[in-house]
Amino acid sequence: MTETIAVIGGTGDLGFGLALRWAKAGKHIIIGSRREEKAKKAAEKIREILGKEAKVDGKVNHEAAAVADIVVLSVPFFAQIGILKSIKKTLRPGTILIDVIVPLATAIDGPPTKTLGVWSGSAAKLTEQLVPKGVKVIAAFKNVPADAMQNLEEEVDCDVIVCGDDEEAKKKVMELAEIIPGIRAIDGGSLDNAHIVEELTAFLININMIYGVKNAGIRITGIK
């Protein structure tokens, strides 16, 4: 049985890239947005890129979350709480929720090279506090360049660090990461470690700016 993946924020750069890559791999994708029309347009764009056989639909956020086995939360930090409140009642126990959010200082008109302090410790831990009991929150894809995800002509030259407290759910997310060509999933330990990855993302943005590139990523060496 092929699971259904809802990408909440799938009209944004990284969310769209994830939806595109997974749809190319044959997954059933539902793009979620606050506006159904916007979600459907993004879904149609993916079908134009991959072909009409691509299994991708567009729905409003709460409807997308309601029918998904895996929910990806890929929205700006400033929208995190509001979006989670809007989908909370449709999240079922056992659902895997992949938190992709990075609390960049851009949320308060600050620079993208800095992160904000989050009272929960990280954006991922905040998500964990706001979802119903039994929803398995996993932090992943926080350090993946969105441009690279959307460029199907090249593999994604980046490791993905995956953090979470449910080992089975973490393994599933790591498997999803590795169906994307070029990506290797790295077990980053517990969800408490998500703040390190979030801060690393701001650092990578700084590297991009220094070198005038868009796709700076990381590779963890010394392990196989």
N, C-alpha and C. Protein backbone atom coordinates (compact mmCIF):
# COMPACT_ATOMS: atom_id res chain seq x y z
N MET A 1 0.84 -1.20 0.00
CA MET A 1 0.00 0.00 0.00
C MET A 1 0.88 1.25 0.00
N THR A 2 0.59 2.16 -0.93
CA THR A 2 1.34 3.40 -1.03
C THR A 2 0.73 4.45 -0.14
N GLU A 3 1.52 5.00 0.76
CA GLU A 3 0.97 6.01 1.67
C GLU A 3 0.73 7.33 0.94
N THR A 4 -0.21 8.09 1.48
CA THR A 4 -0.51 9.41 0.97
C THR A 4 0.26 10.44 1.78
N ILE A 5 0.95 11.33 1.08
CA ILE A 5 1.75 12.37 1.74
C ILE A 5 1.13 13.73 1.46
N ALA A 6 0.75 14.43 2.51
CA ALA A 6 0.25 15.80 2.38
C ALA A 6 1.38 16.77 2.68
N VAL A 7 1.64 17.67 1.75
CA VAL A 7 2.68 18.68 1.96
C VAL A 7 1.98 20.00 2.24
N ILE A 8 1.88 20.33 3.53
CA ILE A 8 1.24 21.58 3.94
C ILE A 8 2.26 22.70 3.70
N GLY A 9 1.91 23.62 2.83
CA GLY A 9 2.88 24.61 2.38
C GLY A 9 3.56 24.14 1.10
N GLY A 10 2.89 23.27 0.39
CA GLY A 10 3.45 22.71 -0.84
C GLY A 10 3.50 23.67 -2.00
N THR A 11 3.00 24.88 -1.81
CA THR A 11 3.11 25.90 -2.85
C THR A 11 4.37 26.74 -2.66
N GLY A 12 5.05 26.58 -1.53
CA GLY A 12 6.30 27.29 -1.29
C GLY A 12 7.47 26.57 -1.94
N ASP A 13 8.65 27.19 -1.92
CA ASP A 13 9.79 26.66 -2.66
C ASP A 13 10.20 25.26 -2.21
N LEU A 14 10.45 25.07 -0.92
CA LEU A 14 10.90 23.76 -0.45
C LEU A 14 9.76 22.74 -0.48
N GLY A 15 8.58 23.15 -0.05
CA GLY A 15 7.44 22.25 -0.07
C GLY A 15 7.13 21.75 -1.47
N PHE A 16 7.19 22.65 -2.43
CA PHE A 16 6.94 22.26 -3.83
C PHE A 16 8.02 21.29 -4.31
N GLY A 17 9.28 21.57 -3.92
CA GLY A 17 10.37 20.68 -4.31
C GLY A 17 10.21 19.28 -3.76
N LEU A 18 9.80 19.17 -2.49
CA LEU A 18 9.55 17.86 -1.90
C LEU A 18 8.41 17.15 -2.61
N ALA A 19 7.33 17.87 -2.85
CA ALA A 19 6.18 17.28 -3.55
C ALA A 19 6.59 16.79 -4.93
N LEU A 20 7.37 17.58 -5.63
CA LEU A 20 7.82 17.23 -6.98
C LEU A 20 8.68 15.98 -6.96
N ARG A 21 9.65 15.94 -6.07
CA ARG A 21 10.55 14.78 -6.01
C ARG A 21 9.81 13.50 -5.63
N TRP A 22 8.92 13.59 -4.66
CA TRP A 22 8.19 12.38 -4.24
C TRP A 22 7.18 11.94 -5.28
N ALA A 23 6.54 12.90 -5.95
CA ALA A 23 5.62 12.53 -7.02
C ALA A 23 6.37 11.83 -8.15
N LYS A 24 7.57 12.30 -8.44
CA LYS A 24 8.40 11.65 -9.47
C LYS A 24 8.74 10.22 -9.08
N ALA A 25 8.87 10.00 -7.76
CA ALA A 25 9.19 8.65 -7.26
C ALA A 25 7.96 7.76 -7.17
N GLY A 26 6.79 8.29 -7.55
CA GLY A 26 5.58 7.48 -7.59
C GLY A 26 4.69 7.59 -6.37
N LYS A 27 5.01 8.49 -5.44
CA LYS A 27 4.17 8.66 -4.25
C LYS A 27 2.91 9.46 -4.59
N HIS A 28 1.85 9.19 -3.81
CA HIS A 28 0.62 9.97 -3.93
C HIS A 28 0.76 11.21 -3.07
N ILE A 29 0.73 12.37 -3.71
CA ILE A 29 0.99 13.64 -3.03
C ILE A 29 -0.26 14.51 -3.04
N ILE A 30 -0.55 15.11 -1.90
CA ILE A 30 -1.59 16.13 -1.82
C ILE A 30 -0.93 17.43 -1.37
N ILE A 31 -1.02 18.44 -2.20
CA ILE A 31 -0.47 19.74 -1.84
C ILE A 31 -1.53 20.50 -1.05
N GLY A 32 -1.12 20.99 0.11
CA GLY A 32 -2.03 21.76 0.95
C GLY A 32 -1.69 23.24 0.92
N SER A 33 -2.73 24.06 0.93
CA SER A 33 -2.56 25.51 0.96
C SER A 33 -3.77 26.11 1.67
N ARG A 34 -3.64 27.35 2.08
CA ARG A 34 -4.79 28.03 2.67
C ARG A 34 -5.88 28.24 1.64
N ARG A 35 -5.47 28.34 0.38
CA ARG A 35 -6.43 28.56 -0.71
C ARG A 35 -6.40 27.35 -1.64
N GLU A 36 -7.55 26.73 -1.82
CA GLU A 36 -7.63 25.52 -2.64
C GLU A 36 -7.18 25.78 -4.06
N GLU A 37 -7.54 26.93 -4.62
CA GLU A 37 -7.15 27.25 -5.99
C GLU A 37 -5.64 27.25 -6.15
N LYS A 38 -4.93 27.81 -5.17
CA LYS A 38 -3.47 27.87 -5.22
C LYS A 38 -2.88 26.47 -5.15
N ALA A 39 -3.46 25.62 -4.29
CA ALA A 39 -2.98 24.24 -4.16
C ALA A 39 -3.18 23.47 -5.46
N LYS A 40 -4.34 23.65 -6.09
CA LYS A 40 -4.63 22.94 -7.34
C LYS A 40 -3.71 23.40 -8.47
N LYS A 41 -3.36 24.69 -8.48
CA LYS A 41 -2.45 25.19 -9.51
C LYS A 41 -1.06 24.58 -9.35
N ALA A 42 -0.62 24.43 -8.09
CA ALA A 42 0.68 23.82 -7.84
C ALA A 42 0.67 22.35 -8.27
N ALA A 43 -0.45 21.67 -7.98
CA ALA A 43 -0.57 20.26 -8.39
C ALA A 43 -0.55 20.14 -9.91
N GLU A 44 -1.22 21.04 -10.59
CA GLU A 44 -1.24 21.02 -12.05
C GLU A 44 0.15 21.29 -12.62
N LYS A 45 0.89 22.16 -11.97
CA LYS A 45 2.26 22.46 -12.41
C LYS A 45 3.14 21.21 -12.33
N ILE A 46 2.96 20.42 -11.27
CA ILE A 46 3.73 19.18 -11.14
C ILE A 46 3.34 18.20 -12.24
N ARG A 47 2.06 18.11 -12.55
CA ARG A 47 1.63 17.22 -13.63
C ARG A 47 2.18 17.68 -14.98
N GLU A 48 2.30 18.99 -15.16
CA GLU A 48 2.89 19.50 -16.40
C GLU A 48 4.36 19.11 -16.52
N ILE A 49 5.05 19.06 -15.38
CA ILE A 49 6.47 18.72 -15.37
C ILE A 49 6.68 17.22 -15.53
N LEU A 50 5.88 16.43 -14.81
CA LEU A 50 6.10 14.98 -14.74
C LEU A 50 5.23 14.18 -15.69
N GLY A 51 4.12 14.77 -16.11
CA GLY A 51 3.18 14.04 -16.94
C GLY A 51 1.87 13.83 -16.20
N LYS A 52 0.81 13.59 -16.93
CA LYS A 52 -0.52 13.48 -16.35
C LYS A 52 -0.68 12.28 -15.42
N GLU A 53 0.22 11.31 -15.53
CA GLU A 53 0.11 10.12 -14.68
C GLU A 53 0.57 10.39 -13.25
N ALA A 54 1.19 11.53 -13.00
CA ALA A 54 1.66 11.86 -11.65
C ALA A 54 0.47 11.91 -10.70
N LYS A 55 0.62 11.26 -9.55
CA LYS A 55 -0.47 11.18 -8.57
C LYS A 55 -0.36 12.36 -7.60
N VAL A 56 -0.94 13.48 -7.98
CA VAL A 56 -0.84 14.68 -7.16
C VAL A 56 -2.15 15.46 -7.24
N ASP A 57 -2.62 15.90 -6.07
CA ASP A 57 -3.85 16.67 -5.97
C ASP A 57 -3.60 17.91 -5.12
N GLY A 58 -4.54 18.83 -5.12
CA GLY A 58 -4.44 20.03 -4.30
C GLY A 58 -5.69 20.23 -3.47
N LYS A 59 -5.52 20.51 -2.19
CA LYS A 59 -6.64 20.74 -1.29
C LYS A 59 -6.28 21.84 -0.29
N VAL A 60 -7.30 22.34 0.41
CA VAL A 60 -7.02 23.26 1.52
C VAL A 60 -6.33 22.45 2.62
N ASN A 61 -5.59 23.14 3.47
CA ASN A 61 -4.72 22.47 4.42
C ASN A 61 -5.39 21.40 5.28
N HIS A 62 -6.52 21.73 5.88
CA HIS A 62 -7.14 20.77 6.80
C HIS A 62 -7.67 19.55 6.06
N GLU A 63 -8.11 19.72 4.83
CA GLU A 63 -8.58 18.58 4.04
C GLU A 63 -7.41 17.70 3.61
N ALA A 64 -6.30 18.33 3.28
CA ALA A 64 -5.11 17.57 2.90
C ALA A 64 -4.61 16.73 4.07
N ALA A 65 -4.54 17.34 5.24
CA ALA A 65 -4.05 16.63 6.43
C ALA A 65 -4.97 15.49 6.83
N ALA A 66 -6.26 15.65 6.59
CA ALA A 66 -7.24 14.66 7.02
C ALA A 66 -7.11 13.33 6.31
N VAL A 67 -6.60 13.33 5.09
CA VAL A 67 -6.56 12.08 4.31
C VAL A 67 -5.14 11.54 4.15
N ALA A 68 -4.18 12.13 4.86
CA ALA A 68 -2.78 11.75 4.69
C ALA A 68 -2.29 10.81 5.78
N ASP A 69 -1.38 9.93 5.41
CA ASP A 69 -0.69 9.08 6.38
C ASP A 69 0.54 9.80 6.93
N ILE A 70 1.13 10.63 6.08
CA ILE A 70 2.30 11.43 6.45
C ILE A 70 2.00 12.88 6.09
N VAL A 71 2.22 13.76 7.04
CA VAL A 71 1.99 15.19 6.83
C VAL A 71 3.32 15.93 6.94
N VAL A 72 3.63 16.73 5.94
CA VAL A 72 4.84 17.54 5.95
C VAL A 72 4.45 18.99 6.21
N LEU A 73 5.05 19.58 7.24
CA LEU A 73 4.76 20.97 7.58
C LEU A 73 5.89 21.84 7.07
N SER A 74 5.67 22.48 5.92
CA SER A 74 6.69 23.29 5.28
C SER A 74 6.16 24.70 5.07
N VAL A 75 6.06 25.43 6.18
CA VAL A 75 5.53 26.80 6.15
C VAL A 75 6.50 27.72 6.85
N PRO A 76 6.40 29.03 6.62
CA PRO A 76 7.27 29.97 7.33
C PRO A 76 7.03 29.91 8.84
N PHE A 77 8.04 30.24 9.60
CA PHE A 77 7.95 30.16 11.05
C PHE A 77 6.80 31.01 11.60
N PHE A 78 6.59 32.18 11.01
CA PHE A 78 5.55 33.07 11.52
C PHE A 78 4.15 32.49 11.34
N ALA A 79 4.01 31.53 10.41
CA ALA A 79 2.70 30.92 10.14
C ALA A 79 2.50 29.60 10.88
N GLN A 80 3.51 29.13 11.57
CA GLN A 80 3.50 27.79 12.16
C GLN A 80 2.32 27.55 13.10
N ILE A 81 2.15 28.41 14.07
CA ILE A 81 1.11 28.19 15.07
C ILE A 81 -0.28 28.23 14.44
N GLY A 82 -0.53 29.21 13.60
CA GLY A 82 -1.83 29.33 12.97
C GLY A 82 -2.18 28.13 12.09
N ILE A 83 -1.20 27.67 11.31
CA ILE A 83 -1.44 26.51 10.45
C ILE A 83 -1.70 25.26 11.27
N LEU A 84 -0.91 25.06 12.33
CA LEU A 84 -1.12 23.88 13.16
C LEU A 84 -2.49 23.90 13.83
N LYS A 85 -2.94 25.04 14.26
CA LYS A 85 -4.28 25.14 14.84
C LYS A 85 -5.34 24.78 13.82
N SER A 86 -5.12 25.15 12.57
CA SER A 86 -6.13 24.92 11.53
C SER A 86 -6.22 23.45 11.12
N ILE A 87 -5.15 22.68 11.33
CA ILE A 87 -5.18 21.27 10.93
C ILE A 87 -5.22 20.32 12.13
N LYS A 88 -5.16 20.85 13.33
CA LYS A 88 -5.04 20.02 14.53
C LYS A 88 -6.14 18.97 14.64
N LYS A 89 -7.37 19.35 14.38
CA LYS A 89 -8.49 18.43 14.56
C LYS A 89 -8.50 17.31 13.52
N THR A 90 -7.76 17.48 12.44
CA THR A 90 -7.76 16.46 11.40
C THR A 90 -6.55 15.52 11.49
N LEU A 91 -5.63 15.82 12.39
CA LEU A 91 -4.47 14.95 12.57
C LEU A 91 -4.85 13.75 13.44
N ARG A 92 -4.54 12.55 12.97
CA ARG A 92 -4.93 11.34 13.67
C ARG A 92 -3.74 10.74 14.43
N PRO A 93 -3.98 10.09 15.56
CA PRO A 93 -2.91 9.38 16.25
C PRO A 93 -2.24 8.37 15.31
N GLY A 94 -0.93 8.33 15.33
CA GLY A 94 -0.20 7.44 14.43
C GLY A 94 0.30 8.13 13.19
N THR A 95 -0.26 9.30 12.88
CA THR A 95 0.21 10.07 11.73
C THR A 95 1.65 10.52 11.98
N ILE A 96 2.48 10.42 10.95
CA ILE A 96 3.83 10.98 11.02
C ILE A 96 3.77 12.41 10.51
N LEU A 97 4.26 13.35 11.31
CA LEU A 97 4.32 14.75 10.89
C LEU A 97 5.78 15.15 10.76
N ILE A 98 6.19 15.49 9.56
CA ILE A 98 7.57 15.90 9.30
C ILE A 98 7.64 17.42 9.38
N ASP A 99 8.37 17.91 10.38
CA ASP A 99 8.52 19.35 10.57
C ASP A 99 9.75 19.82 9.79
N VAL A 100 9.53 20.74 8.86
CA VAL A 100 10.60 21.26 8.00
C VAL A 100 10.94 22.71 8.36
N ILE A 101 10.25 23.25 9.35
CA ILE A 101 10.31 24.68 9.65
C ILE A 101 11.64 25.07 10.29
N VAL A 102 12.14 26.23 9.88
CA VAL A 102 13.33 26.83 10.50
C VAL A 102 12.93 28.22 11.00
N PRO A 103 13.16 28.53 12.28
CA PRO A 103 12.76 29.82 12.83
C PRO A 103 13.73 30.94 12.46
N LEU A 104 13.80 31.24 11.17
CA LEU A 104 14.70 32.29 10.72
C LEU A 104 14.25 33.66 11.21
N ALA A 105 15.21 34.54 11.38
CA ALA A 105 14.90 35.89 11.88
C ALA A 105 14.11 36.71 10.88
N THR A 106 13.96 36.21 9.66
CA THR A 106 13.13 36.91 8.68
C THR A 106 11.68 37.04 9.14
N ALA A 107 11.28 36.21 10.10
CA ALA A 107 9.91 36.28 10.64
C ALA A 107 9.64 37.62 11.31
N ILE A 108 10.71 38.30 11.74
CA ILE A 108 10.55 39.63 12.37
C ILE A 108 11.38 40.65 11.60
N ASP A 109 11.49 40.42 10.27
CA ASP A 109 12.24 41.31 9.38
C ASP A 109 13.73 41.36 9.70
N GLY A 110 14.23 40.29 10.28
CA GLY A 110 15.66 40.18 10.54
C GLY A 110 16.36 39.48 9.40
N PRO A 111 17.67 39.23 9.52
CA PRO A 111 18.42 38.59 8.45
C PRO A 111 18.17 37.08 8.39
N PRO A 112 18.26 36.49 7.21
CA PRO A 112 18.04 35.05 7.07
C PRO A 112 19.21 34.22 7.59
N THR A 113 20.27 34.88 8.00
CA THR A 113 21.46 34.20 8.50
C THR A 113 21.42 33.98 10.01
N LYS A 114 20.30 34.34 10.61
CA LYS A 114 20.15 34.16 12.05
C LYS A 114 18.83 33.47 12.35
N THR A 115 18.79 32.74 13.47
CA THR A 115 17.56 32.11 13.92
C THR A 115 17.05 32.81 15.17
N LEU A 116 15.77 32.64 15.42
CA LEU A 116 15.15 33.20 16.62
C LEU A 116 15.13 32.16 17.72
N GLY A 117 15.21 32.61 18.95
CA GLY A 117 15.05 31.70 20.07
C GLY A 117 13.60 31.26 20.19
N VAL A 118 13.38 29.97 20.30
CA VAL A 118 12.02 29.42 20.42
C VAL A 118 11.88 28.86 21.83
N TRP A 119 10.82 29.25 22.51
CA TRP A 119 10.67 28.87 23.92
C TRP A 119 10.62 27.37 24.12
N SER A 120 10.24 26.64 23.09
CA SER A 120 10.19 25.18 23.19
C SER A 120 11.55 24.54 22.94
N GLY A 121 12.49 25.32 22.46
CA GLY A 121 13.81 24.81 22.14
C GLY A 121 14.09 24.76 20.66
N SER A 122 13.04 24.51 19.87
CA SER A 122 13.16 24.48 18.40
C SER A 122 11.76 24.57 17.81
N ALA A 123 11.71 24.85 16.51
CA ALA A 123 10.42 24.85 15.82
C ALA A 123 9.80 23.46 15.87
N ALA A 124 10.63 22.43 15.76
CA ALA A 124 10.11 21.05 15.78
C ALA A 124 9.51 20.70 17.14
N LYS A 125 10.16 21.12 18.21
CA LYS A 125 9.62 20.86 19.55
C LYS A 125 8.33 21.64 19.77
N LEU A 126 8.24 22.82 19.19
CA LEU A 126 7.00 23.59 19.29
C LEU A 126 5.87 22.85 18.58
N THR A 127 6.16 22.32 17.41
CA THR A 127 5.16 21.51 16.69
C THR A 127 4.70 20.35 17.55
N GLU A 128 5.63 19.67 18.19
CA GLU A 128 5.29 18.53 19.04
C GLU A 128 4.33 18.93 20.15
N GLN A 129 4.50 20.12 20.69
CA GLN A 129 3.64 20.59 21.76
C GLN A 129 2.24 20.94 21.28
N LEU A 130 2.13 21.27 20.00
CA LEU A 130 0.85 21.78 19.48
C LEU A 130 -0.01 20.73 18.79
N VAL A 131 0.55 19.57 18.49
CA VAL A 131 -0.24 18.54 17.80
C VAL A 131 -0.89 17.59 18.80
N PRO A 132 -1.92 16.87 18.40
CA PRO A 132 -2.58 15.92 19.31
C PRO A 132 -1.64 14.81 19.75
N LYS A 133 -1.93 14.25 20.89
CA LYS A 133 -1.15 13.13 21.41
C LYS A 133 -1.23 11.95 20.44
N GLY A 134 -0.10 11.31 20.22
CA GLY A 134 -0.08 10.17 19.31
C GLY A 134 0.43 10.51 17.94
N VAL A 135 0.50 11.81 17.59
CA VAL A 135 1.10 12.22 16.32
C VAL A 135 2.62 12.18 16.47
N LYS A 136 3.29 11.53 15.54
CA LYS A 136 4.73 11.32 15.65
C LYS A 136 5.48 12.42 14.89
N VAL A 137 6.10 13.33 15.62
CA VAL A 137 6.79 14.47 15.00
C VAL A 137 8.25 14.12 14.73
N ILE A 138 8.65 14.32 13.50
CA ILE A 138 10.02 14.09 13.06
C ILE A 138 10.54 15.35 12.39
N ALA A 139 11.74 15.78 12.75
CA ALA A 139 12.36 16.94 12.12
C ALA A 139 13.26 16.47 10.98
N ALA A 140 13.06 17.01 9.78
CA ALA A 140 13.86 16.59 8.63
C ALA A 140 13.76 17.62 7.52
N PHE A 141 14.67 17.55 6.57
CA PHE A 141 14.69 18.40 5.38
C PHE A 141 14.90 19.87 5.69
N LYS A 142 15.35 20.17 6.90
CA LYS A 142 15.57 21.57 7.28
C LYS A 142 16.82 22.16 6.63
N ASN A 143 17.74 21.29 6.24
CA ASN A 143 19.02 21.77 5.70
C ASN A 143 19.18 21.47 4.21
N VAL A 144 18.06 21.26 3.51
CA VAL A 144 18.11 20.94 2.08
C VAL A 144 17.79 22.18 1.25
N PRO A 145 18.64 22.54 0.29
CA PRO A 145 18.36 23.72 -0.54
C PRO A 145 17.16 23.51 -1.45
N ALA A 146 16.23 24.45 -1.40
CA ALA A 146 14.99 24.32 -2.17
C ALA A 146 15.25 24.29 -3.67
N ASP A 147 16.20 25.10 -4.15
CA ASP A 147 16.50 25.13 -5.58
C ASP A 147 16.94 23.76 -6.08
N ALA A 148 17.76 23.09 -5.28
CA ALA A 148 18.25 21.77 -5.67
C ALA A 148 17.11 20.76 -5.72
N MET A 149 16.15 20.89 -4.82
CA MET A 149 15.02 19.98 -4.81
C MET A 149 14.17 20.11 -6.07
N GLN A 150 14.08 21.31 -6.60
CA GLN A 150 13.23 21.54 -7.77
C GLN A 150 13.93 21.25 -9.09
N ASN A 151 15.25 21.12 -9.06
CA ASN A 151 16.01 20.87 -10.28
C ASN A 151 16.12 19.37 -10.53
N LEU A 152 15.20 18.84 -11.31
CA LEU A 152 15.16 17.39 -11.54
C LEU A 152 16.28 16.90 -12.45
N GLU A 153 17.00 17.80 -13.06
CA GLU A 153 18.08 17.40 -13.95
C GLU A 153 19.33 16.97 -13.19
N GLU A 154 19.40 17.29 -11.90
CA GLU A 154 20.57 16.95 -11.12
C GLU A 154 20.17 16.29 -9.81
N GLU A 155 21.06 15.44 -9.28
CA GLU A 155 20.83 14.86 -7.97
C GLU A 155 21.03 15.93 -6.89
N VAL A 156 20.42 15.71 -5.74
CA VAL A 156 20.55 16.65 -4.62
C VAL A 156 21.81 16.29 -3.84
N ASP A 157 22.80 17.15 -3.89
CA ASP A 157 24.09 16.88 -3.26
C ASP A 157 24.06 17.33 -1.80
N CYS A 158 23.39 16.53 -0.96
CA CYS A 158 23.21 16.94 0.43
C CYS A 158 22.76 15.75 1.28
N ASP A 159 23.31 15.66 2.48
CA ASP A 159 22.76 14.74 3.48
C ASP A 159 21.58 15.41 4.16
N VAL A 160 20.63 14.60 4.60
CA VAL A 160 19.47 15.10 5.35
C VAL A 160 19.53 14.56 6.77
N ILE A 161 19.59 15.45 7.73
CA ILE A 161 19.64 15.05 9.13
C ILE A 161 18.21 14.89 9.65
N VAL A 162 17.93 13.74 10.22
CA VAL A 162 16.57 13.40 10.66
C VAL A 162 16.59 13.19 12.18
N CYS A 163 15.76 13.95 12.89
CA CYS A 163 15.71 13.87 14.35
C CYS A 163 14.30 13.48 14.79
N GLY A 164 14.20 12.61 15.78
CA GLY A 164 12.88 12.22 16.29
C GLY A 164 13.00 11.22 17.41
N ASP A 165 11.92 11.07 18.16
CA ASP A 165 11.91 10.19 19.32
C ASP A 165 11.24 8.85 19.06
N ASP A 166 10.53 8.73 17.95
CA ASP A 166 9.89 7.47 17.57
C ASP A 166 10.78 6.82 16.50
N GLU A 167 11.44 5.72 16.85
CA GLU A 167 12.42 5.12 15.95
C GLU A 167 11.79 4.60 14.66
N GLU A 168 10.61 4.03 14.74
CA GLU A 168 9.95 3.50 13.54
C GLU A 168 9.60 4.64 12.58
N ALA A 169 9.05 5.73 13.14
CA ALA A 169 8.69 6.87 12.30
C ALA A 169 9.94 7.52 11.70
N LYS A 170 11.00 7.60 12.50
CA LYS A 170 12.24 8.20 12.00
C LYS A 170 12.80 7.37 10.84
N LYS A 171 12.74 6.05 10.98
CA LYS A 171 13.22 5.17 9.92
C LYS A 171 12.41 5.39 8.64
N LYS A 172 11.10 5.55 8.77
CA LYS A 172 10.25 5.77 7.61
C LYS A 172 10.62 7.07 6.90
N VAL A 173 10.86 8.12 7.67
CA VAL A 173 11.22 9.41 7.08
C VAL A 173 12.58 9.32 6.41
N MET A 174 13.50 8.58 7.00
CA MET A 174 14.81 8.40 6.38
C MET A 174 14.68 7.67 5.05
N GLU A 175 13.79 6.71 4.98
CA GLU A 175 13.54 5.99 3.72
C GLU A 175 12.96 6.94 2.67
N LEU A 176 12.05 7.80 3.10
CA LEU A 176 11.48 8.78 2.16
C LEU A 176 12.54 9.74 1.65
N ALA A 177 13.47 10.11 2.52
CA ALA A 177 14.54 11.00 2.10
C ALA A 177 15.41 10.36 1.03
N GLU A 178 15.68 9.08 1.20
CA GLU A 178 16.64 8.42 0.33
C GLU A 178 16.06 7.96 -1.00
N ILE A 179 14.76 8.12 -1.21
CA ILE A 179 14.24 7.86 -2.56
C ILE A 179 14.46 9.07 -3.46
N ILE A 180 14.94 10.17 -2.89
CA ILE A 180 15.31 11.35 -3.66
C ILE A 180 16.77 11.19 -4.09
N PRO A 181 17.05 11.15 -5.39
CA PRO A 181 18.41 10.90 -5.87
C PRO A 181 19.44 11.88 -5.28
N GLY A 182 20.52 11.31 -4.76
CA GLY A 182 21.61 12.10 -4.22
C GLY A 182 21.57 12.30 -2.72
N ILE A 183 20.40 12.12 -2.12
CA ILE A 183 20.26 12.36 -0.69
C ILE A 183 20.61 11.11 0.11
N ARG A 184 21.37 11.32 1.18
CA ARG A 184 21.60 10.29 2.18
C ARG A 184 21.01 10.77 3.49
N ALA A 185 20.23 9.93 4.14
CA ALA A 185 19.62 10.30 5.42
C ALA A 185 20.57 9.98 6.56
N ILE A 186 20.68 10.91 7.49
CA ILE A 186 21.54 10.75 8.66
C ILE A 186 20.68 10.79 9.92
N ASP A 187 20.80 9.77 10.76
CA ASP A 187 20.06 9.75 12.02
C ASP A 187 20.68 10.78 12.97
N GLY A 188 19.91 11.83 13.25
CA GLY A 188 20.40 12.91 14.10
C GLY A 188 20.01 12.78 15.55
N GLY A 189 19.49 11.60 15.95
CA GLY A 189 19.14 11.40 17.34
C GLY A 189 17.75 11.92 17.68
N SER A 190 17.57 12.34 18.91
CA SER A 190 16.25 12.71 19.41
C SER A 190 15.77 14.05 18.85
N LEU A 191 14.50 14.32 19.04
CA LEU A 191 13.93 15.58 18.57
C LEU A 191 14.56 16.78 19.28
N ASP A 192 15.12 16.57 20.44
CA ASP A 192 15.80 17.66 21.15
C ASP A 192 16.96 18.23 20.34
N ASN A 193 17.48 17.45 19.40
CA ASN A 193 18.62 17.91 18.60
C ASN A 193 18.21 18.76 17.40
N ALA A 194 16.91 18.92 17.19
CA ALA A 194 16.43 19.64 16.01
C ALA A 194 16.93 21.09 15.98
N HIS A 195 17.11 21.70 17.16
CA HIS A 195 17.54 23.10 17.18
C HIS A 195 18.92 23.27 16.55
N ILE A 196 19.76 22.23 16.64
CA ILE A 196 21.09 22.31 16.05
C ILE A 196 20.99 22.38 14.53
N VAL A 197 20.11 21.56 13.97
CA VAL A 197 19.91 21.55 12.51
C VAL A 197 19.30 22.87 12.05
N GLU A 198 18.37 23.40 12.82
CA GLU A 198 17.74 24.67 12.45
C GLU A 198 18.78 25.79 12.41
N GLU A 199 19.68 25.80 13.36
CA GLU A 199 20.73 26.81 13.37
C GLU A 199 21.71 26.58 12.22
N LEU A 200 21.95 25.33 11.89
CA LEU A 200 22.81 25.00 10.77
C LEU A 200 22.26 25.55 9.46
N THR A 201 20.94 25.55 9.32
CA THR A 201 20.31 26.07 8.11
C THR A 201 20.65 27.54 7.92
N ALA A 202 20.57 28.32 8.97
CA ALA A 202 20.93 29.74 8.88
C ALA A 202 22.40 29.89 8.49
N PHE A 203 23.24 29.01 9.02
CA PHE A 203 24.66 29.04 8.67
C PHE A 203 24.87 28.75 7.19
N LEU A 204 24.13 27.78 6.64
CA LEU A 204 24.25 27.44 5.23
C LEU A 204 23.78 28.59 4.34
N ILE A 205 22.75 29.31 4.79
CA ILE A 205 22.31 30.49 4.04
C ILE A 205 23.42 31.52 4.00
N ASN A 206 24.14 31.66 5.11
CA ASN A 206 25.27 32.58 5.16
C ASN A 206 26.37 32.14 4.18
N ILE A 207 26.62 30.84 4.10
CA ILE A 207 27.60 30.32 3.14
C ILE A 207 27.17 30.62 1.71
N ASN A 208 25.90 30.43 1.43
CA ASN A 208 25.37 30.77 0.11
C ASN A 208 25.65 32.22 -0.25
N MET A 209 25.41 33.10 0.69
CA MET A 209 25.59 34.53 0.44
C MET A 209 27.07 34.87 0.24
N ILE A 210 27.93 34.27 1.02
CA ILE A 210 29.37 34.55 0.90
C ILE A 210 29.92 34.10 -0.46
N TYR A 211 29.47 32.92 -0.90
CA TYR A 211 30.01 32.35 -2.13
C TYR A 211 29.16 32.64 -3.36
N GLY A 212 28.04 33.32 -3.19
CA GLY A 212 27.20 33.66 -4.32
C GLY A 212 26.55 32.47 -4.98
N VAL A 213 26.15 31.49 -4.16
CA VAL A 213 25.49 30.29 -4.69
C VAL A 213 24.13 30.14 -4.00
N LYS A 214 23.39 29.10 -4.39
CA LYS A 214 22.07 28.86 -3.81
C LYS A 214 21.93 27.47 -3.18
N ASN A 215 22.88 26.59 -3.49
CA ASN A 215 22.67 25.19 -3.14
C ASN A 215 23.69 24.61 -2.17
N ALA A 216 24.24 25.42 -1.29
CA ALA A 216 25.18 24.89 -0.31
C ALA A 216 24.48 23.86 0.58
N GLY A 217 25.13 22.72 0.74
CA GLY A 217 24.57 21.66 1.59
C GLY A 217 25.65 21.09 2.46
N ILE A 218 25.36 19.99 3.13
CA ILE A 218 26.35 19.37 4.00
C ILE A 218 26.47 17.88 3.69
N ARG A 219 27.63 17.33 3.98
CA ARG A 219 27.85 15.89 3.95
C ARG A 219 28.54 15.50 5.26
N ILE A 220 28.04 14.47 5.89
CA ILE A 220 28.64 13.96 7.11
C ILE A 220 29.65 12.87 6.70
N THR A 221 30.91 13.04 7.07
CA THR A 221 31.93 12.10 6.67
C THR A 221 32.25 11.12 7.79
N GLY A 222 32.94 10.06 7.45
CA GLY A 222 33.40 9.11 8.46
C GLY A 222 32.43 8.00 8.81
N ILE A 223 31.24 7.98 8.16
CA ILE A 223 30.28 6.91 8.40
C ILE A 223 29.85 6.32 7.07
N LYS A 224 29.36 5.08 7.11
CA LYS A 224 28.92 4.43 5.89
C LYS A 224 27.48 3.99 6.03
